[in-house]
N, C-alpha and C. Protein backbone atom coordinates (compact mmCIF):
# COMPACT_ATOMS: atom_id res chain seq x y z
N UNK A 1 109.58 39.96 137.11
CA UNK A 1 108.38 40.72 136.93
C UNK A 1 108.42 41.39 135.57
N UNK A 2 107.37 41.22 134.85
CA UNK A 2 107.38 41.71 133.47
C UNK A 2 107.21 43.21 133.41
N UNK A 3 107.62 43.78 132.30
CA UNK A 3 107.50 45.22 132.08
C UNK A 3 106.03 45.63 132.15
N UNK A 4 105.15 44.78 131.61
CA UNK A 4 103.71 45.07 131.59
C UNK A 4 103.17 45.25 133.01
N UNK A 5 103.62 44.41 133.93
CA UNK A 5 103.11 44.46 135.30
C UNK A 5 103.91 45.36 136.22
N UNK A 6 104.84 46.10 135.66
CA UNK A 6 105.71 46.89 136.51
C UNK A 6 104.96 47.96 137.28
N UNK A 7 103.94 48.54 136.68
CA UNK A 7 103.18 49.59 137.35
C UNK A 7 101.72 49.48 136.95
N UNK A 8 100.83 49.61 137.93
CA UNK A 8 99.40 49.50 137.64
C UNK A 8 98.95 50.61 136.71
N UNK A 9 99.46 51.81 136.92
CA UNK A 9 99.07 52.94 136.08
C UNK A 9 100.35 53.66 135.66
N UNK A 10 100.86 53.34 134.48
CA UNK A 10 102.14 53.92 134.06
C UNK A 10 102.08 55.43 133.89
N UNK A 11 100.89 55.99 133.74
CA UNK A 11 100.75 57.44 133.57
C UNK A 11 100.75 58.17 134.91
N UNK A 12 100.54 57.44 135.97
CA UNK A 12 100.49 58.04 137.30
C UNK A 12 101.90 58.43 137.75
N UNK A 13 102.03 59.64 138.24
CA UNK A 13 103.32 60.10 138.73
C UNK A 13 103.64 59.39 140.04
N UNK A 14 104.81 58.80 140.12
CA UNK A 14 105.22 58.09 141.32
C UNK A 14 106.27 58.91 142.05
N UNK A 15 106.06 59.11 143.32
CA UNK A 15 107.00 59.87 144.14
C UNK A 15 108.24 59.03 144.41
N UNK A 16 109.34 59.69 144.79
CA UNK A 16 110.54 58.92 145.17
C UNK A 16 110.26 57.93 146.30
N UNK A 17 109.41 58.30 147.23
CA UNK A 17 109.10 57.38 148.33
C UNK A 17 108.32 56.17 147.82
N UNK A 18 107.38 56.39 146.92
CA UNK A 18 106.63 55.26 146.34
C UNK A 18 107.59 54.35 145.58
N UNK A 19 108.49 54.95 144.83
CA UNK A 19 109.48 54.15 144.10
C UNK A 19 110.33 53.32 145.06
N UNK A 20 110.67 53.90 146.21
CA UNK A 20 111.46 53.14 147.18
C UNK A 20 110.69 51.92 147.67
N UNK A 21 109.37 52.07 147.81
CA UNK A 21 108.54 50.93 148.21
C UNK A 21 108.49 49.88 147.10
N UNK A 22 108.40 50.33 145.85
CA UNK A 22 108.41 49.38 144.73
C UNK A 22 109.70 48.56 144.72
N UNK A 23 110.82 49.24 144.89
CA UNK A 23 112.10 48.53 144.88
C UNK A 23 112.25 47.65 146.12
N UNK A 24 111.77 48.12 147.26
CA UNK A 24 111.82 47.29 148.47
C UNK A 24 110.97 46.03 148.28
N UNK A 25 109.82 46.18 147.63
CA UNK A 25 108.98 45.02 147.35
C UNK A 25 109.74 44.02 146.47
N UNK A 26 110.40 44.50 145.46
CA UNK A 26 111.17 43.61 144.59
C UNK A 26 112.28 42.91 145.37
N UNK A 27 112.92 43.66 146.26
CA UNK A 27 113.97 43.07 147.09
C UNK A 27 113.43 42.03 148.06
N UNK A 28 112.30 42.33 148.68
CA UNK A 28 111.72 41.37 149.62
C UNK A 28 111.22 40.12 148.89
N UNK A 29 110.71 40.31 147.71
CA UNK A 29 110.31 39.16 146.88
C UNK A 29 111.52 38.25 146.65
N UNK A 30 112.63 38.87 146.27
CA UNK A 30 113.87 38.11 146.05
C UNK A 30 114.30 37.42 147.35
N UNK A 31 114.22 38.13 148.46
CA UNK A 31 114.62 37.58 149.74
C UNK A 31 113.73 36.40 150.15
N UNK A 32 112.43 36.53 149.94
CA UNK A 32 111.51 35.46 150.30
C UNK A 32 111.77 34.19 149.48
N UNK A 33 112.12 34.38 148.22
CA UNK A 33 112.33 33.22 147.35
C UNK A 33 113.72 32.61 147.48
N UNK A 34 114.74 33.46 147.65
CA UNK A 34 116.12 32.98 147.62
C UNK A 34 116.81 32.95 148.99
N UNK A 35 116.22 33.57 149.98
CA UNK A 35 116.77 33.61 151.34
C UNK A 35 118.19 34.18 151.37
N UNK A 36 118.44 35.16 150.53
CA UNK A 36 119.76 35.79 150.49
C UNK A 36 119.88 36.83 151.60
N UNK A 37 121.10 37.19 151.91
CA UNK A 37 121.40 38.21 152.90
C UNK A 37 120.84 39.56 152.43
N UNK A 38 120.40 40.37 153.37
CA UNK A 38 119.81 41.67 153.05
C UNK A 38 120.75 42.53 152.22
N UNK A 39 122.03 42.52 152.53
CA UNK A 39 123.00 43.35 151.79
C UNK A 39 123.10 42.89 150.33
N UNK A 40 123.04 41.60 150.09
CA UNK A 40 123.10 41.07 148.73
C UNK A 40 121.86 41.49 147.96
N UNK A 41 120.72 41.37 148.59
CA UNK A 41 119.46 41.76 147.96
C UNK A 41 119.48 43.26 147.65
N UNK A 42 119.85 44.08 148.62
CA UNK A 42 119.85 45.53 148.43
C UNK A 42 120.80 45.93 147.30
N UNK A 43 121.96 45.32 147.27
CA UNK A 43 122.94 45.66 146.23
C UNK A 43 122.41 45.29 144.85
N UNK A 44 121.75 44.17 144.75
CA UNK A 44 121.16 43.75 143.46
C UNK A 44 120.08 44.75 143.02
N UNK A 45 119.22 45.14 143.93
CA UNK A 45 118.12 46.05 143.59
C UNK A 45 118.66 47.43 143.20
N UNK A 46 119.73 47.86 143.81
CA UNK A 46 120.32 49.18 143.49
C UNK A 46 120.75 49.29 142.02
N UNK A 47 120.96 48.15 141.37
CA UNK A 47 121.37 48.17 139.96
C UNK A 47 120.18 48.23 139.00
N UNK A 48 118.96 48.17 139.54
CA UNK A 48 117.76 48.15 138.69
C UNK A 48 117.54 49.50 138.01
N UNK A 49 116.99 49.43 136.82
CA UNK A 49 116.65 50.62 136.06
C UNK A 49 115.68 51.49 136.87
N UNK A 50 115.99 52.77 136.99
CA UNK A 50 115.12 53.72 137.68
C UNK A 50 115.37 53.87 139.16
N UNK A 51 116.31 53.07 139.70
CA UNK A 51 116.56 53.15 141.14
C UNK A 51 117.01 54.55 141.55
N UNK A 52 117.67 55.26 140.64
CA UNK A 52 118.16 56.61 140.95
C UNK A 52 117.03 57.58 141.25
N UNK A 53 115.79 57.22 140.92
CA UNK A 53 114.64 58.10 141.19
C UNK A 53 113.93 57.75 142.50
N UNK A 54 114.46 56.76 143.20
CA UNK A 54 113.85 56.32 144.47
C UNK A 54 114.45 57.09 145.64
N UNK A 55 113.71 57.13 146.73
CA UNK A 55 114.19 57.67 148.00
C UNK A 55 115.09 56.59 148.62
N UNK A 56 116.39 56.75 148.44
CA UNK A 56 117.35 55.72 148.84
C UNK A 56 117.31 55.47 150.35
N UNK A 57 117.20 56.51 151.14
CA UNK A 57 117.16 56.32 152.59
C UNK A 57 115.94 55.51 153.01
N UNK A 58 114.79 55.80 152.39
CA UNK A 58 113.58 55.04 152.74
C UNK A 58 113.72 53.59 152.27
N UNK A 59 114.27 53.40 151.07
CA UNK A 59 114.52 52.04 150.58
C UNK A 59 115.39 51.27 151.56
N UNK A 60 116.51 51.87 151.97
CA UNK A 60 117.41 51.20 152.91
C UNK A 60 116.69 50.83 154.20
N UNK A 61 115.93 51.77 154.73
CA UNK A 61 115.17 51.50 155.95
C UNK A 61 114.19 50.36 155.77
N UNK A 62 113.49 50.35 154.63
CA UNK A 62 112.52 49.30 154.38
C UNK A 62 113.17 47.93 154.20
N UNK A 63 114.18 47.86 153.36
CA UNK A 63 114.74 46.55 153.04
C UNK A 63 115.48 45.96 154.24
N UNK A 64 116.34 46.76 154.86
CA UNK A 64 117.09 46.24 156.01
C UNK A 64 116.20 46.07 157.23
N UNK A 65 115.33 47.04 157.48
CA UNK A 65 114.45 46.98 158.65
C UNK A 65 113.44 45.86 158.57
N UNK A 66 112.82 45.70 157.40
CA UNK A 66 111.81 44.65 157.25
C UNK A 66 112.44 43.27 157.39
N UNK A 67 113.58 43.07 156.79
CA UNK A 67 114.24 41.76 156.89
C UNK A 67 114.68 41.51 158.34
N UNK A 68 115.24 42.51 158.99
CA UNK A 68 115.69 42.35 160.38
C UNK A 68 114.53 42.06 161.33
N UNK A 69 113.38 42.66 161.06
CA UNK A 69 112.23 42.51 161.95
C UNK A 69 111.20 41.51 161.42
N UNK A 70 111.54 40.74 160.42
CA UNK A 70 110.57 39.86 159.75
C UNK A 70 109.84 38.95 160.73
N UNK A 71 110.53 38.35 161.67
CA UNK A 71 109.88 37.43 162.60
C UNK A 71 108.85 38.16 163.46
N UNK A 72 109.20 39.32 163.98
CA UNK A 72 108.26 40.10 164.80
C UNK A 72 107.08 40.60 163.98
N UNK A 73 107.35 41.03 162.74
CA UNK A 73 106.27 41.51 161.87
C UNK A 73 105.32 40.36 161.52
N UNK A 74 105.89 39.21 161.22
CA UNK A 74 105.04 38.04 160.91
C UNK A 74 104.18 37.66 162.11
N UNK A 75 104.73 37.79 163.31
CA UNK A 75 103.96 37.47 164.52
C UNK A 75 102.76 38.40 164.66
N UNK A 76 102.89 39.64 164.20
CA UNK A 76 101.76 40.57 164.27
C UNK A 76 100.76 40.33 163.15
N UNK A 77 101.24 39.90 162.00
CA UNK A 77 100.37 39.67 160.84
C UNK A 77 99.63 38.34 160.95
N UNK A 78 100.29 37.30 161.43
CA UNK A 78 99.76 35.94 161.41
C UNK A 78 98.34 35.80 161.98
N UNK A 79 98.01 36.44 163.11
CA UNK A 79 96.65 36.27 163.63
C UNK A 79 95.57 36.95 162.76
N UNK A 80 95.99 37.76 161.82
CA UNK A 80 95.05 38.54 161.02
C UNK A 80 94.76 37.92 159.66
N UNK A 81 95.50 36.88 159.31
CA UNK A 81 95.32 36.25 158.00
C UNK A 81 94.59 34.93 158.14
N UNK A 82 94.01 34.48 157.05
CA UNK A 82 93.18 33.28 157.06
C UNK A 82 93.91 32.00 156.66
N UNK A 83 95.22 32.09 156.55
CA UNK A 83 96.02 30.93 156.16
C UNK A 83 97.44 31.13 156.68
N UNK A 84 98.23 30.09 156.69
CA UNK A 84 99.63 30.26 157.11
C UNK A 84 100.35 31.23 156.17
N UNK A 85 101.21 32.07 156.72
CA UNK A 85 101.92 33.08 155.92
C UNK A 85 102.66 32.47 154.72
N UNK A 86 103.30 31.30 154.86
CA UNK A 86 103.98 30.73 153.68
C UNK A 86 103.03 30.40 152.53
N UNK A 87 101.73 30.30 152.82
CA UNK A 87 100.75 30.01 151.77
C UNK A 87 100.30 31.25 151.00
N UNK A 88 100.67 32.43 151.51
CA UNK A 88 100.37 33.66 150.78
C UNK A 88 101.25 33.74 149.54
N UNK A 89 100.80 34.48 148.55
CA UNK A 89 101.69 34.71 147.40
C UNK A 89 102.89 35.51 147.91
N UNK A 90 104.06 35.33 147.31
CA UNK A 90 105.22 36.10 147.76
C UNK A 90 105.00 37.62 147.67
N UNK A 91 104.23 38.06 146.71
CA UNK A 91 103.95 39.50 146.60
C UNK A 91 103.12 39.97 147.79
N UNK A 92 102.01 39.28 148.07
CA UNK A 92 101.18 39.67 149.21
C UNK A 92 101.96 39.59 150.51
N UNK A 93 102.76 38.56 150.66
CA UNK A 93 103.57 38.39 151.86
C UNK A 93 104.54 39.57 152.01
N UNK A 94 105.24 39.91 150.93
CA UNK A 94 106.20 41.02 150.98
C UNK A 94 105.50 42.36 151.23
N UNK A 95 104.36 42.59 150.58
CA UNK A 95 103.64 43.84 150.78
C UNK A 95 103.15 43.95 152.22
N UNK A 96 102.65 42.85 152.77
CA UNK A 96 102.20 42.88 154.17
C UNK A 96 103.37 43.16 155.12
N UNK A 97 104.53 42.61 154.83
CA UNK A 97 105.71 42.89 155.66
C UNK A 97 106.08 44.37 155.58
N UNK A 98 106.09 44.93 154.38
CA UNK A 98 106.41 46.36 154.21
C UNK A 98 105.38 47.21 154.95
N UNK A 99 104.10 46.91 154.74
CA UNK A 99 103.05 47.68 155.41
C UNK A 99 103.16 47.60 156.91
N UNK A 100 103.39 46.39 157.42
CA UNK A 100 103.53 46.22 158.87
C UNK A 100 104.75 46.97 159.39
N UNK A 101 105.86 46.90 158.65
CA UNK A 101 107.06 47.61 159.06
C UNK A 101 106.79 49.11 159.16
N UNK A 102 106.18 49.67 158.13
CA UNK A 102 105.90 51.12 158.16
C UNK A 102 104.90 51.46 159.26
N UNK A 103 103.91 50.61 159.45
CA UNK A 103 102.90 50.87 160.47
C UNK A 103 103.54 50.91 161.87
N UNK A 104 104.46 50.00 162.11
CA UNK A 104 105.09 49.88 163.43
C UNK A 104 106.21 50.92 163.62
N UNK A 105 107.01 51.15 162.60
CA UNK A 105 108.23 51.94 162.75
C UNK A 105 108.16 53.38 162.23
N UNK A 106 107.10 53.73 161.55
CA UNK A 106 106.99 55.07 160.98
C UNK A 106 105.67 55.72 161.37
N UNK A 107 105.52 56.09 162.64
CA UNK A 107 104.26 56.69 163.07
C UNK A 107 103.99 58.06 162.42
N UNK A 108 105.03 58.65 161.82
CA UNK A 108 104.85 59.92 161.13
C UNK A 108 104.10 59.75 159.80
N UNK A 109 104.02 58.52 159.30
CA UNK A 109 103.26 58.23 158.09
C UNK A 109 101.86 57.79 158.53
N UNK A 110 100.82 58.53 158.19
CA UNK A 110 99.47 58.13 158.60
C UNK A 110 99.15 56.71 158.16
N UNK A 111 98.46 55.97 159.01
CA UNK A 111 98.20 54.57 158.68
C UNK A 111 97.41 54.42 157.39
N UNK A 112 96.55 55.38 157.05
CA UNK A 112 95.80 55.30 155.80
C UNK A 112 96.75 55.40 154.59
N UNK A 113 97.82 56.18 154.73
CA UNK A 113 98.82 56.28 153.66
C UNK A 113 99.56 54.96 153.53
N UNK A 114 99.93 54.36 154.65
CA UNK A 114 100.60 53.06 154.63
C UNK A 114 99.73 52.04 153.90
N UNK A 115 98.45 51.99 154.25
CA UNK A 115 97.54 51.04 153.62
C UNK A 115 97.38 51.34 152.14
N UNK A 116 97.19 52.61 151.78
CA UNK A 116 97.02 52.98 150.38
C UNK A 116 98.24 52.60 149.55
N UNK A 117 99.42 52.87 150.08
CA UNK A 117 100.64 52.51 149.36
C UNK A 117 100.74 50.99 149.17
N UNK A 118 100.39 50.24 150.20
CA UNK A 118 100.42 48.78 150.11
C UNK A 118 99.42 48.28 149.07
N UNK A 119 98.25 48.87 149.05
CA UNK A 119 97.23 48.50 148.07
C UNK A 119 97.73 48.79 146.66
N UNK A 120 98.34 49.95 146.46
CA UNK A 120 98.86 50.31 145.14
C UNK A 120 99.97 49.36 144.70
N UNK A 121 100.84 48.98 145.62
CA UNK A 121 101.89 48.01 145.29
C UNK A 121 101.28 46.68 144.86
N UNK A 122 100.26 46.26 145.59
CA UNK A 122 99.63 44.98 145.27
C UNK A 122 98.90 45.05 143.93
N UNK A 123 98.27 46.17 143.65
CA UNK A 123 97.62 46.33 142.34
C UNK A 123 98.65 46.27 141.22
N UNK A 124 99.83 46.86 141.45
CA UNK A 124 100.87 46.89 140.42
C UNK A 124 101.52 45.53 140.20
N UNK A 125 101.78 44.81 141.27
CA UNK A 125 102.61 43.61 141.17
C UNK A 125 101.89 42.31 141.52
N UNK A 126 100.75 42.40 142.20
CA UNK A 126 100.09 41.20 142.70
C UNK A 126 99.00 40.66 141.81
N UNK A 127 98.28 39.70 142.35
CA UNK A 127 97.17 39.07 141.65
C UNK A 127 95.96 40.00 141.57
N UNK A 128 94.94 39.53 140.89
CA UNK A 128 93.77 40.34 140.58
C UNK A 128 93.13 40.98 141.80
N UNK A 129 92.82 40.21 142.82
CA UNK A 129 92.15 40.75 144.00
C UNK A 129 93.03 40.79 145.24
N UNK A 130 94.33 40.63 145.06
CA UNK A 130 95.24 40.64 146.20
C UNK A 130 95.20 41.93 146.98
N UNK A 131 94.93 43.04 146.29
CA UNK A 131 94.89 44.34 146.98
C UNK A 131 93.77 44.40 148.02
N UNK A 132 92.67 43.70 147.77
CA UNK A 132 91.56 43.69 148.73
C UNK A 132 91.97 42.96 150.00
N UNK A 133 92.68 41.88 149.83
CA UNK A 133 93.16 41.09 150.96
C UNK A 133 94.15 41.90 151.79
N UNK A 134 95.12 42.52 151.12
CA UNK A 134 96.13 43.34 151.79
C UNK A 134 95.46 44.49 152.54
N UNK A 135 94.48 45.13 151.91
CA UNK A 135 93.76 46.23 152.55
C UNK A 135 93.10 45.76 153.85
N UNK A 136 92.42 44.63 153.80
CA UNK A 136 91.73 44.13 154.98
C UNK A 136 92.68 43.77 156.12
N UNK A 137 93.77 43.11 155.79
CA UNK A 137 94.74 42.70 156.82
C UNK A 137 95.40 43.92 157.46
N UNK A 138 95.84 44.87 156.63
CA UNK A 138 96.51 46.05 157.19
C UNK A 138 95.55 46.96 157.95
N UNK A 139 94.29 46.97 157.56
CA UNK A 139 93.30 47.75 158.31
C UNK A 139 93.13 47.16 159.71
N UNK A 140 93.09 45.83 159.80
CA UNK A 140 93.02 45.18 161.12
C UNK A 140 94.28 45.47 161.93
N UNK A 141 95.43 45.42 161.27
CA UNK A 141 96.69 45.69 161.96
C UNK A 141 96.72 47.12 162.49
N UNK A 142 96.21 48.06 161.70
CA UNK A 142 96.18 49.46 162.14
C UNK A 142 95.38 49.61 163.42
N UNK A 143 94.29 48.88 163.54
CA UNK A 143 93.48 48.93 164.75
C UNK A 143 94.23 48.44 165.98
N UNK A 144 95.24 47.61 165.76
CA UNK A 144 96.04 47.07 166.86
C UNK A 144 97.28 47.92 167.17
N UNK A 145 98.02 48.31 166.15
CA UNK A 145 99.30 49.00 166.40
C UNK A 145 99.19 50.52 166.33
N UNK A 146 98.12 51.02 165.78
CA UNK A 146 97.88 52.47 165.72
C UNK A 146 96.51 52.78 166.32
N UNK A 147 96.26 52.19 167.47
CA UNK A 147 94.93 52.25 168.07
C UNK A 147 94.40 53.68 168.23
N UNK A 148 95.21 54.58 168.76
CA UNK A 148 94.73 55.96 168.98
C UNK A 148 94.42 56.65 167.65
N UNK A 149 95.31 56.51 166.68
CA UNK A 149 95.10 57.10 165.36
C UNK A 149 93.88 56.47 164.69
N UNK A 150 93.75 55.17 164.82
CA UNK A 150 92.64 54.43 164.22
C UNK A 150 91.31 54.89 164.82
N UNK A 151 91.26 55.00 166.14
CA UNK A 151 90.03 55.45 166.81
C UNK A 151 89.69 56.90 166.45
N UNK A 152 90.70 57.75 166.41
CA UNK A 152 90.46 59.16 166.06
C UNK A 152 89.88 59.27 164.66
N UNK A 153 90.39 58.51 163.73
CA UNK A 153 89.86 58.54 162.36
C UNK A 153 88.43 58.01 162.31
N UNK A 154 88.17 56.93 163.06
CA UNK A 154 86.82 56.37 163.09
C UNK A 154 85.84 57.37 163.70
N UNK A 155 86.26 58.06 164.75
CA UNK A 155 85.40 59.07 165.38
C UNK A 155 85.15 60.24 164.44
N UNK A 156 86.18 60.64 163.72
CA UNK A 156 86.05 61.74 162.74
C UNK A 156 85.08 61.34 161.63
N UNK A 157 85.21 60.11 161.13
CA UNK A 157 84.30 59.63 160.09
C UNK A 157 82.87 59.56 160.60
N UNK A 158 82.69 59.12 161.85
CA UNK A 158 81.36 59.06 162.44
C UNK A 158 80.75 60.46 162.56
N UNK A 159 81.57 61.42 162.97
CA UNK A 159 81.09 62.80 163.10
C UNK A 159 80.67 63.36 161.75
N UNK A 160 81.43 63.06 160.70
CA UNK A 160 81.09 63.54 159.36
C UNK A 160 79.76 62.93 158.88
N UNK A 161 79.57 61.64 159.16
CA UNK A 161 78.34 60.98 158.75
C UNK A 161 77.16 61.57 159.51
N UNK A 162 77.34 61.79 160.81
CA UNK A 162 76.27 62.35 161.64
C UNK A 162 75.87 63.75 161.20
N UNK A 163 76.86 64.56 160.82
CA UNK A 163 76.56 65.95 160.42
C UNK A 163 75.90 66.02 159.05
N UNK A 164 76.08 64.99 158.24
CA UNK A 164 75.45 64.96 156.92
C UNK A 164 74.03 64.41 156.96
N UNK A 165 73.68 63.79 158.06
CA UNK A 165 72.39 63.11 158.15
C UNK A 165 71.38 63.98 158.71
């Protein structure tokens, strides 16, 4: 990944947790292409410039958890995409895995934050309109795995629209 594409907005302050997602994305990209063991991937990523500014615990959870649960996460994502998962770009595939992992395993992170972070990752590292695709897929996934939170947000949005009208 080139220096130019490293971050969508280099002036934007990135939190340690966001940085952990960036590094996890790089690791998952490597894993998808090379099929290396999670420990090998994680060790390689730990040597990357700027890793010391990442949330190491979150990175570890993402890289090891996503790889360990990849089959189950893909099973949840597959019905929501319009093509076989191997046909997705490796960036979109990795971002969807990270988003699905956080959506399923981190209920303390609001689903809108999970989606926003995934969109930002895709804007930084993916193709031109990949972020729109990722947004749509993860929004559908949120309706399935975070049904109560998803419905509450939809009801809140409906109430706001009704009160403004």
